[in-house]
Amino acid sequence: MRISTLLASSVLAFGAVGAAAVADHHGDGYSAEAQPTIVEIASADDTFSTLVAAVTAADLADALAGEGPFTVFAPTNDAFDALPEGTVESLLEEGNRDQLTAVLTYHVVSGRYLAAETPAGTYELPTLQGSTVTVVIGEDGAVTVDGANVISADIEASNGVIHVIDAVILP
């Protein structure tokens, strides 16, 4: 399946969810009914369209919309674009679903970890993929995950927290 076709179908699949998440009744970008889930936040932001397409292809959207809590290290579209040519397209092929699932679940940790509430240091966190990621919080507040820079931290969702990273991390 071509990535453009998958991206288009992902937008349609998440369209209702994303529209509900961005209905702005109080000026904060979200409706008064409930704080959005991780999936709703990601699907409402074009910065994550490749991630949303991958989550859809791996059939993980329902799991990531679940109760959690989860901490998601969310790569941007630019992070996916930085992978070697053809990598994303290959991962999105139906026959590579297990590999795609492994990559995506490597970006997810069970529990809610806020950078602002965590002291400087190095932490090993178990991922849903089964391996661990190394999170380093510097004295200056800079955060890395397996060498990827956290470019936006502590985006809170009803079922966890998102930390935006500038690279795709691999198990």
N, C-alpha and C. Protein backbone atom coordinates (compact mmCIF):
# COMPACT_ATOMS: atom_id res chain seq x y z
N MET A 1 0.85 -1.17 0.00
CA MET A 1 0.00 0.00 0.00
C MET A 1 0.89 1.24 0.00
N ARG A 2 0.59 2.19 -0.83
CA ARG A 2 1.36 3.42 -0.89
C ARG A 2 1.13 4.24 0.36
N ILE A 3 2.17 4.95 0.81
CA ILE A 3 2.06 5.74 2.04
C ILE A 3 1.01 6.83 1.89
N SER A 4 0.88 7.45 0.71
CA SER A 4 -0.12 8.50 0.54
C SER A 4 -1.53 7.95 0.70
N THR A 5 -1.78 6.73 0.20
CA THR A 5 -3.08 6.11 0.36
C THR A 5 -3.34 5.79 1.82
N LEU A 6 -2.32 5.29 2.51
CA LEU A 6 -2.47 4.96 3.92
C LEU A 6 -2.69 6.21 4.75
N LEU A 7 -1.97 7.28 4.44
CA LEU A 7 -2.17 8.54 5.17
C LEU A 7 -3.59 9.05 4.97
N ALA A 8 -4.08 8.99 3.75
CA ALA A 8 -5.44 9.46 3.48
C ALA A 8 -6.46 8.62 4.23
N SER A 9 -6.29 7.30 4.24
CA SER A 9 -7.25 6.46 4.95
C SER A 9 -7.15 6.65 6.45
N SER A 10 -5.96 6.97 6.95
CA SER A 10 -5.79 7.24 8.39
C SER A 10 -6.50 8.50 8.79
N VAL A 11 -6.42 9.52 7.93
CA VAL A 11 -7.12 10.77 8.24
C VAL A 11 -8.62 10.52 8.30
N LEU A 12 -9.13 9.72 7.37
CA LEU A 12 -10.56 9.40 7.39
C LEU A 12 -10.92 8.59 8.63
N ALA A 13 -10.10 7.62 8.98
CA ALA A 13 -10.39 6.78 10.14
C ALA A 13 -10.37 7.57 11.44
N PHE A 14 -9.46 8.52 11.53
CA PHE A 14 -9.34 9.31 12.75
C PHE A 14 -10.14 10.60 12.68
N GLY A 15 -10.75 10.90 11.54
CA GLY A 15 -11.43 12.18 11.34
C GLY A 15 -12.42 12.53 12.42
N ALA A 16 -13.31 11.62 12.76
CA ALA A 16 -14.32 11.92 13.77
C ALA A 16 -13.69 12.10 15.14
N VAL A 17 -12.71 11.28 15.43
CA VAL A 17 -12.02 11.40 16.72
C VAL A 17 -11.30 12.73 16.80
N GLY A 18 -10.56 13.07 15.75
CA GLY A 18 -9.81 14.33 15.75
C GLY A 18 -10.73 15.54 15.80
N ALA A 19 -11.84 15.48 15.09
CA ALA A 19 -12.77 16.61 15.11
C ALA A 19 -13.33 16.83 16.50
N ALA A 20 -13.64 15.76 17.19
CA ALA A 20 -14.15 15.89 18.56
C ALA A 20 -13.09 16.47 19.48
N ALA A 21 -11.84 16.11 19.23
CA ALA A 21 -10.76 16.57 20.10
C ALA A 21 -10.48 18.05 19.94
N VAL A 22 -10.72 18.58 18.76
CA VAL A 22 -10.37 19.97 18.55
C VAL A 22 -11.55 20.93 18.61
N ALA A 23 -12.74 20.42 18.94
CA ALA A 23 -13.88 21.31 19.11
C ALA A 23 -13.58 22.23 20.27
N ASP A 24 -13.45 23.52 19.98
CA ASP A 24 -12.95 24.46 20.98
C ASP A 24 -14.09 25.28 21.57
N HIS A 25 -14.47 24.97 22.80
CA HIS A 25 -15.52 25.71 23.48
C HIS A 25 -14.97 26.65 24.54
N HIS A 26 -13.72 26.49 24.90
CA HIS A 26 -13.15 27.29 25.98
C HIS A 26 -11.82 27.91 25.61
N GLY A 27 -11.46 27.90 24.32
CA GLY A 27 -10.23 28.53 23.88
C GLY A 27 -8.98 27.70 24.11
N ASP A 28 -9.12 26.48 24.60
CA ASP A 28 -7.94 25.65 24.86
C ASP A 28 -7.72 24.59 23.81
N GLY A 29 -8.56 24.54 22.78
CA GLY A 29 -8.39 23.57 21.71
C GLY A 29 -9.15 22.27 21.94
N TYR A 30 -9.77 22.11 23.10
CA TYR A 30 -10.46 20.87 23.39
C TYR A 30 -11.83 21.14 23.96
N SER A 31 -12.73 20.20 23.76
CA SER A 31 -14.09 20.38 24.25
C SER A 31 -14.13 20.19 25.76
N ALA A 32 -15.22 20.66 26.34
CA ALA A 32 -15.38 20.57 27.79
C ALA A 32 -15.73 19.15 28.23
N GLU A 33 -16.15 18.29 27.28
CA GLU A 33 -16.60 16.96 27.66
C GLU A 33 -15.51 16.12 28.33
N ALA A 34 -14.32 16.14 27.76
CA ALA A 34 -13.25 15.31 28.32
C ALA A 34 -11.92 15.73 27.72
N GLN A 35 -10.87 15.48 28.49
CA GLN A 35 -9.53 15.70 27.95
C GLN A 35 -9.31 14.63 26.88
N PRO A 36 -8.67 14.96 25.77
CA PRO A 36 -8.49 14.00 24.69
C PRO A 36 -7.50 12.90 25.05
N THR A 37 -7.63 11.78 24.35
CA THR A 37 -6.69 10.67 24.52
C THR A 37 -5.43 10.95 23.71
N ILE A 38 -4.44 10.11 23.91
CA ILE A 38 -3.20 10.20 23.15
C ILE A 38 -3.50 10.13 21.65
N VAL A 39 -4.34 9.20 21.24
CA VAL A 39 -4.68 9.03 19.83
C VAL A 39 -5.39 10.28 19.30
N GLU A 40 -6.29 10.85 20.07
CA GLU A 40 -7.01 12.04 19.63
C GLU A 40 -6.06 13.22 19.44
N ILE A 41 -5.13 13.39 20.36
CA ILE A 41 -4.16 14.48 20.23
C ILE A 41 -3.31 14.28 18.98
N ALA A 42 -2.78 13.09 18.80
CA ALA A 42 -1.91 12.82 17.64
C ALA A 42 -2.67 12.97 16.33
N SER A 43 -3.89 12.48 16.28
CA SER A 43 -4.63 12.53 15.02
C SER A 43 -5.13 13.94 14.70
N ALA A 44 -5.17 14.82 15.67
CA ALA A 44 -5.60 16.20 15.43
C ALA A 44 -4.43 17.11 15.04
N ASP A 45 -3.22 16.58 15.01
CA ASP A 45 -2.03 17.39 14.73
C ASP A 45 -1.30 16.83 13.52
N ASP A 46 -1.23 17.62 12.45
CA ASP A 46 -0.59 17.17 11.20
C ASP A 46 0.87 16.79 11.38
N THR A 47 1.51 17.26 12.44
CA THR A 47 2.91 16.92 12.73
C THR A 47 3.09 15.42 12.91
N PHE A 48 2.00 14.72 13.25
CA PHE A 48 2.07 13.29 13.54
C PHE A 48 1.35 12.43 12.50
N SER A 49 1.13 12.94 11.29
CA SER A 49 0.35 12.17 10.31
C SER A 49 1.01 10.84 9.95
N THR A 50 2.33 10.80 9.88
CA THR A 50 3.00 9.53 9.58
C THR A 50 2.87 8.57 10.76
N LEU A 51 2.99 9.07 11.98
CA LEU A 51 2.81 8.23 13.16
C LEU A 51 1.39 7.68 13.20
N VAL A 52 0.42 8.51 12.93
CA VAL A 52 -0.98 8.07 12.93
C VAL A 52 -1.20 7.00 11.86
N ALA A 53 -0.60 7.20 10.68
CA ALA A 53 -0.71 6.19 9.62
C ALA A 53 -0.09 4.86 10.06
N ALA A 54 1.04 4.94 10.74
CA ALA A 54 1.70 3.72 11.21
C ALA A 54 0.88 3.03 12.30
N VAL A 55 0.35 3.80 13.22
CA VAL A 55 -0.49 3.23 14.29
C VAL A 55 -1.72 2.57 13.69
N THR A 56 -2.29 3.19 12.67
CA THR A 56 -3.45 2.61 11.99
C THR A 56 -3.07 1.32 11.29
N ALA A 57 -1.95 1.33 10.57
CA ALA A 57 -1.50 0.13 9.84
C ALA A 57 -1.21 -1.03 10.78
N ALA A 58 -0.71 -0.71 11.97
CA ALA A 58 -0.39 -1.76 12.96
C ALA A 58 -1.60 -2.14 13.80
N ASP A 59 -2.73 -1.48 13.56
CA ASP A 59 -3.97 -1.74 14.30
C ASP A 59 -3.78 -1.53 15.81
N LEU A 60 -3.07 -0.45 16.16
CA LEU A 60 -2.80 -0.14 17.57
C LEU A 60 -3.62 1.03 18.10
N ALA A 61 -4.43 1.66 17.25
CA ALA A 61 -5.17 2.85 17.67
C ALA A 61 -6.07 2.58 18.87
N ASP A 62 -6.81 1.48 18.85
CA ASP A 62 -7.70 1.18 19.97
C ASP A 62 -6.92 0.97 21.26
N ALA A 63 -5.78 0.29 21.16
CA ALA A 63 -4.96 0.05 22.35
C ALA A 63 -4.45 1.37 22.93
N LEU A 64 -3.98 2.28 22.07
CA LEU A 64 -3.45 3.56 22.54
C LEU A 64 -4.53 4.54 22.94
N ALA A 65 -5.77 4.25 22.58
CA ALA A 65 -6.89 5.07 23.03
C ALA A 65 -7.47 4.50 24.32
N GLY A 66 -6.94 3.36 24.77
CA GLY A 66 -7.42 2.71 25.98
C GLY A 66 -7.09 3.48 27.24
N GLU A 67 -7.45 2.89 28.35
CA GLU A 67 -7.36 3.55 29.65
C GLU A 67 -5.94 3.96 30.04
N GLY A 68 -4.96 3.12 29.74
CA GLY A 68 -3.58 3.46 30.11
C GLY A 68 -3.37 3.43 31.60
N PRO A 69 -2.52 4.26 32.13
CA PRO A 69 -1.85 5.35 31.45
C PRO A 69 -0.63 4.88 30.67
N PHE A 70 -0.33 5.65 29.62
CA PHE A 70 0.83 5.38 28.77
C PHE A 70 1.67 6.65 28.67
N THR A 71 2.95 6.46 28.49
CA THR A 71 3.84 7.53 28.08
C THR A 71 4.30 7.18 26.68
N VAL A 72 4.05 8.10 25.74
CA VAL A 72 4.39 7.87 24.34
C VAL A 72 5.47 8.86 23.93
N PHE A 73 6.54 8.32 23.36
CA PHE A 73 7.60 9.12 22.77
C PHE A 73 7.26 9.19 21.29
N ALA A 74 6.66 10.31 20.88
CA ALA A 74 6.04 10.43 19.56
C ALA A 74 6.96 11.11 18.55
N PRO A 75 7.45 10.35 17.56
CA PRO A 75 8.28 10.95 16.51
C PRO A 75 7.42 11.82 15.58
N THR A 76 7.99 12.92 15.16
CA THR A 76 7.33 13.80 14.20
C THR A 76 7.45 13.23 12.79
N ASN A 77 6.73 13.85 11.86
CA ASN A 77 6.87 13.46 10.45
C ASN A 77 8.31 13.62 9.99
N ASP A 78 8.97 14.70 10.43
CA ASP A 78 10.37 14.92 10.05
C ASP A 78 11.26 13.79 10.56
N ALA A 79 10.94 13.25 11.73
CA ALA A 79 11.71 12.13 12.27
C ALA A 79 11.57 10.91 11.37
N PHE A 80 10.36 10.64 10.92
CA PHE A 80 10.15 9.51 10.00
C PHE A 80 10.84 9.78 8.66
N ASP A 81 10.79 11.03 8.19
CA ASP A 81 11.42 11.39 6.92
C ASP A 81 12.94 11.21 6.96
N ALA A 82 13.52 11.29 8.15
CA ALA A 82 14.97 11.16 8.30
C ALA A 82 15.45 9.70 8.21
N LEU A 83 14.53 8.75 8.28
CA LEU A 83 14.91 7.34 8.14
C LEU A 83 15.39 7.10 6.71
N PRO A 84 16.20 6.06 6.51
CA PRO A 84 16.65 5.75 5.14
C PRO A 84 15.47 5.61 4.18
N GLU A 85 15.67 6.04 2.95
CA GLU A 85 14.62 6.01 1.94
C GLU A 85 14.01 4.61 1.83
N GLY A 86 12.70 4.56 1.82
CA GLY A 86 11.97 3.31 1.69
C GLY A 86 11.65 2.62 3.00
N THR A 87 12.23 3.06 4.10
CA THR A 87 12.01 2.40 5.40
C THR A 87 10.56 2.47 5.83
N VAL A 88 9.98 3.67 5.79
CA VAL A 88 8.60 3.83 6.24
C VAL A 88 7.67 3.03 5.35
N GLU A 89 7.85 3.15 4.03
CA GLU A 89 6.99 2.40 3.11
C GLU A 89 7.09 0.90 3.36
N SER A 90 8.29 0.42 3.61
CA SER A 90 8.49 -1.01 3.88
C SER A 90 7.78 -1.42 5.17
N LEU A 91 7.92 -0.61 6.22
CA LEU A 91 7.27 -0.93 7.49
C LEU A 91 5.75 -0.95 7.36
N LEU A 92 5.21 -0.12 6.47
CA LEU A 92 3.76 -0.03 6.32
C LEU A 92 3.17 -1.14 5.45
N GLU A 93 4.02 -1.95 4.82
CA GLU A 93 3.51 -3.07 4.03
C GLU A 93 2.88 -4.09 4.96
N GLU A 94 1.79 -4.66 4.50
CA GLU A 94 1.02 -5.58 5.33
C GLU A 94 1.86 -6.74 5.87
N GLY A 95 2.79 -7.23 5.10
CA GLY A 95 3.62 -8.35 5.52
C GLY A 95 4.62 -8.00 6.61
N ASN A 96 4.79 -6.72 6.88
CA ASN A 96 5.75 -6.28 7.89
C ASN A 96 5.08 -5.75 9.16
N ARG A 97 3.86 -6.17 9.38
CA ARG A 97 3.08 -5.67 10.52
C ARG A 97 3.76 -5.96 11.86
N ASP A 98 4.34 -7.14 12.03
CA ASP A 98 5.01 -7.46 13.29
C ASP A 98 6.19 -6.53 13.55
N GLN A 99 6.97 -6.26 12.50
CA GLN A 99 8.11 -5.35 12.64
C GLN A 99 7.63 -3.93 12.95
N LEU A 100 6.58 -3.47 12.27
CA LEU A 100 6.02 -2.15 12.53
C LEU A 100 5.50 -2.06 13.96
N THR A 101 4.80 -3.09 14.41
CA THR A 101 4.29 -3.12 15.79
C THR A 101 5.43 -3.04 16.79
N ALA A 102 6.51 -3.76 16.53
CA ALA A 102 7.67 -3.73 17.43
C ALA A 102 8.26 -2.32 17.52
N VAL A 103 8.39 -1.65 16.37
CA VAL A 103 8.95 -0.30 16.36
C VAL A 103 8.02 0.65 17.13
N LEU A 104 6.74 0.58 16.86
CA LEU A 104 5.80 1.49 17.52
C LEU A 104 5.69 1.24 19.02
N THR A 105 5.61 -0.01 19.42
CA THR A 105 5.48 -0.30 20.86
C THR A 105 6.77 -0.02 21.62
N TYR A 106 7.88 0.11 20.90
CA TYR A 106 9.14 0.53 21.52
C TYR A 106 9.08 2.00 21.93
N HIS A 107 8.16 2.74 21.37
CA HIS A 107 7.96 4.16 21.69
C HIS A 107 6.96 4.37 22.81
N VAL A 108 6.47 3.29 23.43
CA VAL A 108 5.42 3.40 24.45
C VAL A 108 5.85 2.71 25.74
N VAL A 109 5.63 3.42 26.84
CA VAL A 109 5.94 2.91 28.17
C VAL A 109 4.65 2.91 28.98
N SER A 110 4.45 1.88 29.76
CA SER A 110 3.29 1.84 30.64
C SER A 110 3.53 2.79 31.81
N GLY A 111 2.54 3.62 32.11
CA GLY A 111 2.65 4.58 33.19
C GLY A 111 2.72 6.00 32.65
N ARG A 112 2.58 6.95 33.54
CA ARG A 112 2.61 8.38 33.18
C ARG A 112 3.89 8.98 33.74
N TYR A 113 4.81 9.34 32.86
CA TYR A 113 6.09 9.92 33.26
C TYR A 113 6.18 11.35 32.74
N LEU A 114 6.14 12.30 33.64
CA LEU A 114 6.24 13.71 33.28
C LEU A 114 7.67 14.19 33.49
N ALA A 115 8.24 14.82 32.48
CA ALA A 115 9.61 15.33 32.58
C ALA A 115 9.71 16.36 33.70
N ALA A 116 8.70 17.20 33.82
CA ALA A 116 8.73 18.27 34.82
C ALA A 116 8.73 17.74 36.26
N GLU A 117 8.30 16.50 36.44
CA GLU A 117 8.23 15.92 37.77
C GLU A 117 9.34 14.91 38.05
N THR A 118 10.26 14.76 37.11
CA THR A 118 11.31 13.75 37.25
C THR A 118 12.66 14.43 37.43
N PRO A 119 13.38 14.07 38.49
CA PRO A 119 14.69 14.69 38.71
C PRO A 119 15.70 14.33 37.62
N ALA A 120 16.70 15.18 37.47
CA ALA A 120 17.78 14.91 36.51
C ALA A 120 18.38 13.54 36.80
N GLY A 121 18.74 12.83 35.76
CA GLY A 121 19.35 11.51 35.91
C GLY A 121 19.11 10.66 34.68
N THR A 122 19.54 9.41 34.78
CA THR A 122 19.38 8.45 33.70
C THR A 122 18.44 7.36 34.17
N TYR A 123 17.47 7.03 33.33
CA TYR A 123 16.44 6.06 33.69
C TYR A 123 16.29 5.02 32.59
N GLU A 124 16.12 3.78 32.98
CA GLU A 124 15.81 2.69 32.05
C GLU A 124 14.34 2.36 32.24
N LEU A 125 13.55 2.54 31.18
CA LEU A 125 12.12 2.29 31.26
C LEU A 125 11.73 1.14 30.35
N PRO A 126 10.97 0.18 30.85
CA PRO A 126 10.54 -0.93 30.01
C PRO A 126 9.44 -0.48 29.04
N THR A 127 9.61 -0.83 27.77
CA THR A 127 8.63 -0.46 26.75
C THR A 127 7.60 -1.58 26.58
N LEU A 128 6.51 -1.26 25.91
CA LEU A 128 5.52 -2.29 25.62
C LEU A 128 6.05 -3.31 24.63
N GLN A 129 7.12 -2.97 23.92
CA GLN A 129 7.75 -3.90 22.97
C GLN A 129 8.51 -4.99 23.72
N GLY A 130 8.95 -4.69 24.95
CA GLY A 130 9.67 -5.68 25.74
C GLY A 130 11.10 -5.30 26.07
N SER A 131 11.66 -4.36 25.33
CA SER A 131 13.00 -3.86 25.62
C SER A 131 12.89 -2.64 26.53
N THR A 132 14.03 -2.04 26.85
CA THR A 132 14.01 -0.81 27.63
C THR A 132 14.54 0.34 26.80
N VAL A 133 14.08 1.55 27.12
CA VAL A 133 14.62 2.76 26.53
C VAL A 133 15.39 3.48 27.63
N THR A 134 16.42 4.21 27.23
CA THR A 134 17.20 4.99 28.17
C THR A 134 16.78 6.44 28.06
N VAL A 135 16.26 6.96 29.16
CA VAL A 135 15.84 8.35 29.22
C VAL A 135 16.85 9.10 30.07
N VAL A 136 17.38 10.20 29.51
CA VAL A 136 18.33 11.02 30.23
C VAL A 136 17.73 12.42 30.39
N ILE A 137 17.65 12.86 31.64
CA ILE A 137 17.18 14.21 31.93
C ILE A 137 18.37 14.97 32.50
N GLY A 138 18.78 16.00 31.76
CA GLY A 138 19.94 16.78 32.17
C GLY A 138 19.60 17.78 33.25
N GLU A 139 20.63 18.28 33.89
CA GLU A 139 20.46 19.32 34.91
C GLU A 139 19.78 20.54 34.33
N ASP A 140 19.96 20.76 33.02
CA ASP A 140 19.36 21.92 32.35
C ASP A 140 17.92 21.65 31.90
N GLY A 141 17.41 20.44 32.17
CA GLY A 141 16.05 20.08 31.80
C GLY A 141 15.93 19.44 30.44
N ALA A 142 17.03 19.38 29.67
CA ALA A 142 17.00 18.73 28.37
C ALA A 142 16.77 17.23 28.56
N VAL A 143 15.95 16.65 27.69
CA VAL A 143 15.60 15.23 27.81
C VAL A 143 15.90 14.53 26.50
N THR A 144 16.52 13.35 26.60
CA THR A 144 16.71 12.49 25.43
C THR A 144 16.16 11.11 25.74
N VAL A 145 15.75 10.42 24.68
CA VAL A 145 15.25 9.05 24.77
C VAL A 145 16.01 8.25 23.74
N ASP A 146 16.87 7.34 24.20
CA ASP A 146 17.72 6.57 23.29
C ASP A 146 18.42 7.48 22.28
N GLY A 147 18.83 8.65 22.73
CA GLY A 147 19.55 9.59 21.89
C GLY A 147 18.68 10.57 21.13
N ALA A 148 17.38 10.32 21.02
CA ALA A 148 16.47 11.26 20.36
C ALA A 148 16.16 12.40 21.33
N ASN A 149 16.15 13.61 20.82
CA ASN A 149 15.84 14.77 21.65
C ASN A 149 14.34 14.93 21.84
N VAL A 150 13.93 15.18 23.07
CA VAL A 150 12.54 15.52 23.34
C VAL A 150 12.41 17.00 23.01
N ILE A 151 11.59 17.31 21.99
CA ILE A 151 11.45 18.70 21.55
C ILE A 151 10.21 19.37 22.12
N SER A 152 9.32 18.58 22.69
CA SER A 152 8.16 19.09 23.40
C SER A 152 7.75 18.03 24.41
N ALA A 153 7.76 18.40 25.67
CA ALA A 153 7.51 17.41 26.73
C ALA A 153 6.17 17.67 27.42
N ASP A 154 5.69 16.62 28.06
CA ASP A 154 4.56 16.72 28.99
C ASP A 154 3.26 17.20 28.36
N ILE A 155 2.93 16.68 27.20
CA ILE A 155 1.62 16.95 26.59
C ILE A 155 0.66 15.95 27.21
N GLU A 156 -0.16 16.43 28.11
CA GLU A 156 -1.02 15.53 28.89
C GLU A 156 -2.28 15.15 28.12
N ALA A 157 -2.63 13.88 28.23
CA ALA A 157 -3.84 13.32 27.64
C ALA A 157 -4.63 12.64 28.75
N SER A 158 -5.85 12.28 28.46
CA SER A 158 -6.67 11.63 29.48
C SER A 158 -6.10 10.27 29.87
N ASN A 159 -5.35 9.65 28.97
CA ASN A 159 -4.83 8.31 29.24
C ASN A 159 -3.31 8.25 29.24
N GLY A 160 -2.67 9.39 29.50
CA GLY A 160 -1.22 9.37 29.58
C GLY A 160 -0.60 10.70 29.20
N VAL A 161 0.61 10.61 28.68
CA VAL A 161 1.39 11.80 28.34
C VAL A 161 2.18 11.53 27.07
N ILE A 162 2.37 12.59 26.28
CA ILE A 162 3.15 12.50 25.05
C ILE A 162 4.39 13.37 25.20
N HIS A 163 5.53 12.82 24.77
CA HIS A 163 6.76 13.58 24.64
C HIS A 163 7.13 13.51 23.16
N VAL A 164 7.22 14.64 22.50
CA VAL A 164 7.52 14.69 21.07
C VAL A 164 9.03 14.57 20.91
N ILE A 165 9.46 13.63 20.04
CA ILE A 165 10.89 13.40 19.81
C ILE A 165 11.26 13.67 18.36
N ASP A 166 12.54 13.98 18.15
CA ASP A 166 13.01 14.36 16.82
C ASP A 166 13.60 13.22 16.00
N ALA A 167 13.47 12.00 16.48
CA ALA A 167 13.99 10.83 15.75
C ALA A 167 13.12 9.62 16.07
N VAL A 168 13.10 8.68 15.13
CA VAL A 168 12.45 7.38 15.38
C VAL A 168 13.47 6.53 16.10
N ILE A 169 13.09 6.00 17.27
CA ILE A 169 14.00 5.12 18.00
C ILE A 169 13.68 3.67 17.64
N LEU A 170 14.71 2.86 17.58
CA LEU A 170 14.52 1.49 17.13
C LEU A 170 14.98 0.49 18.19
N PRO A 171 14.22 -0.57 18.35
CA PRO A 171 14.59 -1.59 19.36
C PRO A 171 15.86 -2.32 18.97
